[in-house]
Every structure is written in C-alpha cells, then in structure tokens.
Amino acid sequence: MQLNEKTIERLQYLEAVYRQGYRSDLIDQGVDKIIALEIASAQSDLSDLQERLRAFERRYQMKSEMFYRRFRSGELGDDPDFVEWSSFYEMWDSVRKRVEILRGRL
C-alpha cells in the first residue's frame, strides 16, 4: 500500500471513531496544528508563486488571469515563456485551492 493510501486509511479510522461519538482533545489539537502548518506552508508557496507571476505580468503588461485565458484559448502561441508562465499559474491556482480547502471554504 502506498504511503498516501495508508494516510488516508488512518484518517478514515479517526473519522469513524469521531462519528461514533468519541472525542479527544489531543486529536483535536493535533489536527488543528497539522492544518495550521499546512496552511502556513501553502501560504509560503503562494507567495513564491505570486512573485513569479508578477514578474511575468510586468514583462508582458498583462494580468496572469487574462494571460491564462488567452494562452489556453490558443491566442498567444507556445513561446517558452508562456509555457512557463502557464505552469506557474496552474501551480498557484492549485495551491490557492488547497488553502481554501484547508480553511474549510470549499
């Protein structure tokens, strides 16, 4: 069994006992701490990615959201800078969604 499958399985064990009414301050605090650490890590990643996106935005005088729509529609071609910009934008969007999930907003 892969590591991430084992982690999911163990989280499901905790969910099952909690759904049966079990409560533990230790588990509650541990889960809260893990989520806080994951959010902090993701926020750091977001900051790095935002700086990279801003550099492209300055160079090409275009917001990343607009660039990405135009790039995906085929308007801008496949310049290596655009491929890289697109990758950074997709990474940024993925991390942003992760933060929203961790904050319980999705």
N, C-alpha and C. Protein backbone atom coordinates (compact mmCIF):
# COMPACT_ATOMS: atom_id res chain seq x y z
N MET A 1 0.85 -1.18 0.00
CA MET A 1 0.00 0.00 0.00
C MET A 1 0.89 1.24 0.00
N GLN A 2 0.55 2.21 -0.83
CA GLN A 2 1.35 3.42 -0.91
C GLN A 2 1.14 4.26 0.35
N LEU A 3 2.13 5.12 0.60
CA LEU A 3 2.11 5.95 1.79
C LEU A 3 0.86 6.81 1.88
N ASN A 4 0.49 7.49 0.78
CA ASN A 4 -0.68 8.37 0.85
C ASN A 4 -1.96 7.56 1.07
N GLU A 5 -2.04 6.34 0.58
CA GLU A 5 -3.20 5.49 0.83
C GLU A 5 -3.28 5.09 2.29
N LYS A 6 -2.12 4.83 2.89
CA LYS A 6 -2.09 4.50 4.32
C LYS A 6 -2.54 5.70 5.15
N THR A 7 -2.11 6.89 4.77
CA THR A 7 -2.51 8.10 5.50
C THR A 7 -4.01 8.30 5.39
N ILE A 8 -4.55 8.15 4.20
CA ILE A 8 -6.00 8.29 4.01
C ILE A 8 -6.74 7.27 4.86
N GLU A 9 -6.25 6.05 4.87
CA GLU A 9 -6.88 4.99 5.67
C GLU A 9 -6.87 5.35 7.15
N ARG A 10 -5.74 5.85 7.65
CA ARG A 10 -5.66 6.22 9.07
C ARG A 10 -6.56 7.40 9.39
N LEU A 11 -6.67 8.36 8.47
CA LEU A 11 -7.60 9.47 8.69
C LEU A 11 -9.04 8.97 8.72
N GLN A 12 -9.34 7.98 7.91
CA GLN A 12 -10.68 7.41 7.92
C GLN A 12 -10.97 6.69 9.23
N TYR A 13 -9.95 6.07 9.84
CA TYR A 13 -10.13 5.45 11.16
C TYR A 13 -10.55 6.51 12.17
N LEU A 14 -9.83 7.63 12.16
CA LEU A 14 -10.16 8.71 13.09
C LEU A 14 -11.57 9.24 12.83
N GLU A 15 -11.89 9.41 11.56
CA GLU A 15 -13.23 9.89 11.23
C GLU A 15 -14.29 8.92 11.76
N ALA A 16 -14.06 7.63 11.59
CA ALA A 16 -15.03 6.63 12.03
C ALA A 16 -15.26 6.68 13.53
N VAL A 17 -14.18 6.78 14.32
CA VAL A 17 -14.38 6.82 15.77
C VAL A 17 -15.02 8.14 16.20
N TYR A 18 -14.73 9.23 15.51
CA TYR A 18 -15.36 10.51 15.83
C TYR A 18 -16.85 10.48 15.50
N ARG A 19 -17.19 9.85 14.40
CA ARG A 19 -18.61 9.75 14.02
C ARG A 19 -19.39 8.89 15.01
N GLN A 20 -18.70 8.01 15.74
CA GLN A 20 -19.34 7.19 16.76
C GLN A 20 -19.45 7.94 18.10
N GLY A 21 -18.97 9.18 18.13
CA GLY A 21 -19.12 9.98 19.34
C GLY A 21 -17.86 10.15 20.17
N TYR A 22 -16.77 9.50 19.78
CA TYR A 22 -15.52 9.63 20.54
C TYR A 22 -14.95 11.03 20.34
N ARG A 23 -14.40 11.59 21.40
CA ARG A 23 -13.74 12.89 21.33
C ARG A 23 -12.41 12.83 22.08
N SER A 24 -11.44 13.57 21.55
CA SER A 24 -10.12 13.61 22.18
C SER A 24 -9.52 15.00 21.98
N ASP A 25 -9.19 15.67 23.08
CA ASP A 25 -8.53 16.97 22.97
C ASP A 25 -7.19 16.83 22.26
N LEU A 26 -6.48 15.74 22.50
CA LEU A 26 -5.19 15.52 21.87
C LEU A 26 -5.34 15.44 20.35
N ILE A 27 -6.30 14.68 19.88
CA ILE A 27 -6.51 14.57 18.44
C ILE A 27 -6.96 15.91 17.88
N ASP A 28 -7.90 16.58 18.56
CA ASP A 28 -8.37 17.88 18.09
C ASP A 28 -7.22 18.87 17.94
N GLN A 29 -6.38 18.94 18.96
CA GLN A 29 -5.24 19.87 18.92
C GLN A 29 -4.24 19.47 17.84
N GLY A 30 -4.02 18.17 17.71
CA GLY A 30 -3.09 17.69 16.68
C GLY A 30 -3.57 18.01 15.28
N VAL A 31 -4.85 17.78 15.02
CA VAL A 31 -5.41 18.07 13.71
C VAL A 31 -5.36 19.57 13.43
N ASP A 32 -5.72 20.38 14.43
CA ASP A 32 -5.65 21.84 14.26
C ASP A 32 -4.23 22.28 13.94
N LYS A 33 -3.25 21.70 14.62
CA LYS A 33 -1.85 22.07 14.39
C LYS A 33 -1.40 21.65 12.99
N ILE A 34 -1.77 20.46 12.58
CA ILE A 34 -1.40 19.99 11.25
C ILE A 34 -1.99 20.91 10.18
N ILE A 35 -3.25 21.26 10.34
CA ILE A 35 -3.89 22.15 9.36
C ILE A 35 -3.21 23.50 9.34
N ALA A 36 -2.90 24.06 10.50
CA ALA A 36 -2.23 25.36 10.57
C ALA A 36 -0.86 25.30 9.89
N LEU A 37 -0.12 24.23 10.11
CA LEU A 37 1.20 24.09 9.48
C LEU A 37 1.07 23.95 7.97
N GLU A 38 0.08 23.20 7.51
CA GLU A 38 -0.14 23.04 6.07
C GLU A 38 -0.54 24.36 5.43
N ILE A 39 -1.39 25.14 6.11
CA ILE A 39 -1.77 26.45 5.59
C ILE A 39 -0.55 27.36 5.50
N ALA A 40 0.27 27.37 6.54
CA ALA A 40 1.48 28.21 6.53
C ALA A 40 2.41 27.82 5.39
N SER A 41 2.59 26.53 5.18
CA SER A 41 3.45 26.06 4.10
C SER A 41 2.88 26.47 2.74
N ALA A 42 1.58 26.29 2.58
CA ALA A 42 0.94 26.65 1.32
C ALA A 42 1.00 28.16 1.09
N GLN A 43 0.84 28.95 2.14
CA GLN A 43 0.92 30.40 2.01
C GLN A 43 2.31 30.82 1.55
N SER A 44 3.32 30.15 2.05
CA SER A 44 4.69 30.44 1.61
C SER A 44 4.85 30.10 0.12
N ASP A 45 4.31 28.95 -0.27
CA ASP A 45 4.35 28.57 -1.69
C ASP A 45 3.60 29.60 -2.55
N LEU A 46 2.43 30.04 -2.07
CA LEU A 46 1.66 31.04 -2.80
C LEU A 46 2.45 32.32 -2.98
N SER A 47 3.12 32.75 -1.95
CA SER A 47 3.92 33.97 -2.02
C SER A 47 5.01 33.85 -3.08
N ASP A 48 5.72 32.74 -3.08
CA ASP A 48 6.75 32.50 -4.09
C ASP A 48 6.16 32.51 -5.50
N LEU A 49 5.06 31.82 -5.67
CA LEU A 49 4.44 31.74 -6.99
C LEU A 49 3.89 33.09 -7.43
N GLN A 50 3.34 33.86 -6.50
CA GLN A 50 2.84 35.19 -6.85
C GLN A 50 3.96 36.09 -7.33
N GLU A 51 5.13 35.99 -6.72
CA GLU A 51 6.27 36.78 -7.19
C GLU A 51 6.66 36.40 -8.61
N ARG A 52 6.67 35.12 -8.89
CA ARG A 52 6.99 34.66 -10.24
C ARG A 52 5.96 35.17 -11.25
N LEU A 53 4.67 35.10 -10.85
CA LEU A 53 3.61 35.59 -11.74
C LEU A 53 3.73 37.09 -11.97
N ARG A 54 4.03 37.83 -10.91
CA ARG A 54 4.18 39.29 -11.05
C ARG A 54 5.31 39.65 -12.01
N ALA A 55 6.37 38.88 -12.00
CA ALA A 55 7.49 39.15 -12.91
C ALA A 55 7.02 39.01 -14.37
N PHE A 56 6.25 37.97 -14.64
CA PHE A 56 5.71 37.81 -16.00
C PHE A 56 4.71 38.93 -16.32
N GLU A 57 3.88 39.28 -15.36
CA GLU A 57 2.89 40.33 -15.58
C GLU A 57 3.57 41.66 -15.93
N ARG A 58 4.66 41.96 -15.24
CA ARG A 58 5.40 43.19 -15.54
C ARG A 58 6.03 43.11 -16.93
N ARG A 59 6.63 41.98 -17.24
CA ARG A 59 7.32 41.82 -18.51
C ARG A 59 6.35 41.93 -19.69
N TYR A 60 5.16 41.35 -19.56
CA TYR A 60 4.22 41.30 -20.68
C TYR A 60 3.02 42.23 -20.50
N GLN A 61 3.03 43.03 -19.43
CA GLN A 61 1.96 44.01 -19.21
C GLN A 61 0.56 43.38 -19.32
N MET A 62 0.39 42.27 -18.60
CA MET A 62 -0.89 41.57 -18.64
C MET A 62 -1.06 40.82 -17.32
N LYS A 63 -2.26 40.85 -16.76
CA LYS A 63 -2.55 40.07 -15.55
C LYS A 63 -2.52 38.58 -15.88
N SER A 64 -2.12 37.79 -14.91
CA SER A 64 -1.98 36.35 -15.12
C SER A 64 -3.30 35.69 -15.49
N GLU A 65 -4.40 36.12 -14.89
CA GLU A 65 -5.70 35.52 -15.21
C GLU A 65 -6.04 35.72 -16.69
N MET A 66 -5.83 36.93 -17.18
CA MET A 66 -6.09 37.23 -18.59
C MET A 66 -5.14 36.45 -19.49
N PHE A 67 -3.86 36.45 -19.12
CA PHE A 67 -2.88 35.67 -19.88
C PHE A 67 -3.32 34.22 -19.99
N TYR A 68 -3.69 33.63 -18.87
CA TYR A 68 -4.01 32.21 -18.85
C TYR A 68 -5.21 31.90 -19.74
N ARG A 69 -6.23 32.72 -19.67
CA ARG A 69 -7.40 32.52 -20.55
C ARG A 69 -6.98 32.59 -22.02
N ARG A 70 -6.19 33.60 -22.36
CA ARG A 70 -5.75 33.77 -23.75
C ARG A 70 -4.81 32.64 -24.18
N PHE A 71 -3.93 32.24 -23.29
CA PHE A 71 -2.99 31.16 -23.61
C PHE A 71 -3.75 29.86 -23.84
N ARG A 72 -4.68 29.54 -22.96
CA ARG A 72 -5.45 28.30 -23.07
C ARG A 72 -6.34 28.29 -24.33
N SER A 73 -6.75 29.47 -24.77
CA SER A 73 -7.60 29.52 -25.97
C SER A 73 -6.76 29.49 -27.25
N GLY A 74 -5.43 29.52 -27.11
CA GLY A 74 -4.55 29.43 -28.26
C GLY A 74 -4.19 30.76 -28.90
N GLU A 75 -4.56 31.85 -28.28
CA GLU A 75 -4.30 33.18 -28.85
C GLU A 75 -2.83 33.58 -28.81
N LEU A 76 -2.07 33.01 -27.89
CA LEU A 76 -0.72 33.53 -27.65
C LEU A 76 0.41 32.66 -28.17
N GLY A 77 0.12 31.52 -28.70
CA GLY A 77 1.18 30.65 -29.18
C GLY A 77 1.84 29.87 -28.06
N ASP A 78 3.00 29.28 -28.38
CA ASP A 78 3.65 28.40 -27.41
C ASP A 78 5.08 28.85 -27.08
N ASP A 79 5.27 30.14 -26.98
CA ASP A 79 6.55 30.69 -26.56
C ASP A 79 6.96 30.03 -25.23
N PRO A 80 8.23 29.66 -25.07
CA PRO A 80 8.66 29.03 -23.83
C PRO A 80 8.30 29.84 -22.57
N ASP A 81 8.38 31.17 -22.64
CA ASP A 81 7.98 32.00 -21.51
C ASP A 81 6.51 31.77 -21.17
N PHE A 82 5.68 31.63 -22.18
CA PHE A 82 4.25 31.45 -21.94
C PHE A 82 3.95 30.08 -21.34
N VAL A 83 4.68 29.08 -21.78
CA VAL A 83 4.51 27.74 -21.21
C VAL A 83 4.90 27.77 -19.73
N GLU A 84 6.01 28.43 -19.44
CA GLU A 84 6.46 28.54 -18.04
C GLU A 84 5.45 29.34 -17.21
N TRP A 85 5.00 30.47 -17.72
CA TRP A 85 4.01 31.31 -17.04
C TRP A 85 2.74 30.50 -16.76
N SER A 86 2.30 29.75 -17.75
CA SER A 86 1.11 28.92 -17.60
C SER A 86 1.30 27.89 -16.49
N SER A 87 2.47 27.29 -16.44
CA SER A 87 2.76 26.30 -15.39
C SER A 87 2.72 26.93 -14.02
N PHE A 88 3.35 28.09 -13.89
CA PHE A 88 3.32 28.78 -12.59
C PHE A 88 1.90 29.16 -12.20
N TYR A 89 1.11 29.59 -13.17
CA TYR A 89 -0.28 29.96 -12.88
C TYR A 89 -1.08 28.74 -12.40
N GLU A 90 -0.89 27.61 -13.06
CA GLU A 90 -1.59 26.39 -12.65
C GLU A 90 -1.16 25.94 -11.27
N MET A 91 0.13 26.05 -10.98
CA MET A 91 0.61 25.70 -9.64
C MET A 91 -0.01 26.64 -8.60
N TRP A 92 0.00 27.94 -8.90
CA TRP A 92 -0.58 28.93 -7.99
C TRP A 92 -2.05 28.62 -7.73
N ASP A 93 -2.80 28.32 -8.78
CA ASP A 93 -4.22 28.02 -8.63
C ASP A 93 -4.44 26.77 -7.79
N SER A 94 -3.63 25.76 -8.00
CA SER A 94 -3.74 24.52 -7.23
C SER A 94 -3.46 24.77 -5.75
N VAL A 95 -2.42 25.52 -5.44
CA VAL A 95 -2.09 25.83 -4.04
C VAL A 95 -3.18 26.69 -3.42
N ARG A 96 -3.69 27.66 -4.18
CA ARG A 96 -4.77 28.52 -3.68
C ARG A 96 -5.99 27.68 -3.31
N LYS A 97 -6.34 26.72 -4.14
CA LYS A 97 -7.48 25.84 -3.85
C LYS A 97 -7.22 24.99 -2.62
N ARG A 98 -5.98 24.54 -2.45
CA ARG A 98 -5.63 23.75 -1.26
C ARG A 98 -5.83 24.57 0.00
N VAL A 99 -5.41 25.83 -0.03
CA VAL A 99 -5.59 26.71 1.14
C VAL A 99 -7.07 26.88 1.45
N GLU A 100 -7.88 27.07 0.42
CA GLU A 100 -9.32 27.22 0.63
C GLU A 100 -9.92 25.97 1.27
N ILE A 101 -9.50 24.81 0.81
CA ILE A 101 -9.99 23.56 1.38
C ILE A 101 -9.56 23.45 2.84
N LEU A 102 -8.29 23.73 3.12
CA LEU A 102 -7.78 23.63 4.49
C LEU A 102 -8.48 24.61 5.43
N ARG A 103 -8.90 25.73 4.89
CA ARG A 103 -9.63 26.70 5.71
C ARG A 103 -11.12 26.36 5.80
N GLY A 104 -11.52 25.29 5.15
CA GLY A 104 -12.92 24.85 5.22
C GLY A 104 -13.86 25.68 4.38
N ARG A 105 -13.34 26.28 3.31
CA ARG A 105 -14.16 27.16 2.48
C ARG A 105 -14.67 26.49 1.22
N LEU A 106 -14.28 25.27 0.95
CA LEU A 106 -14.78 24.57 -0.24
C LEU A 106 -15.51 23.32 0.18
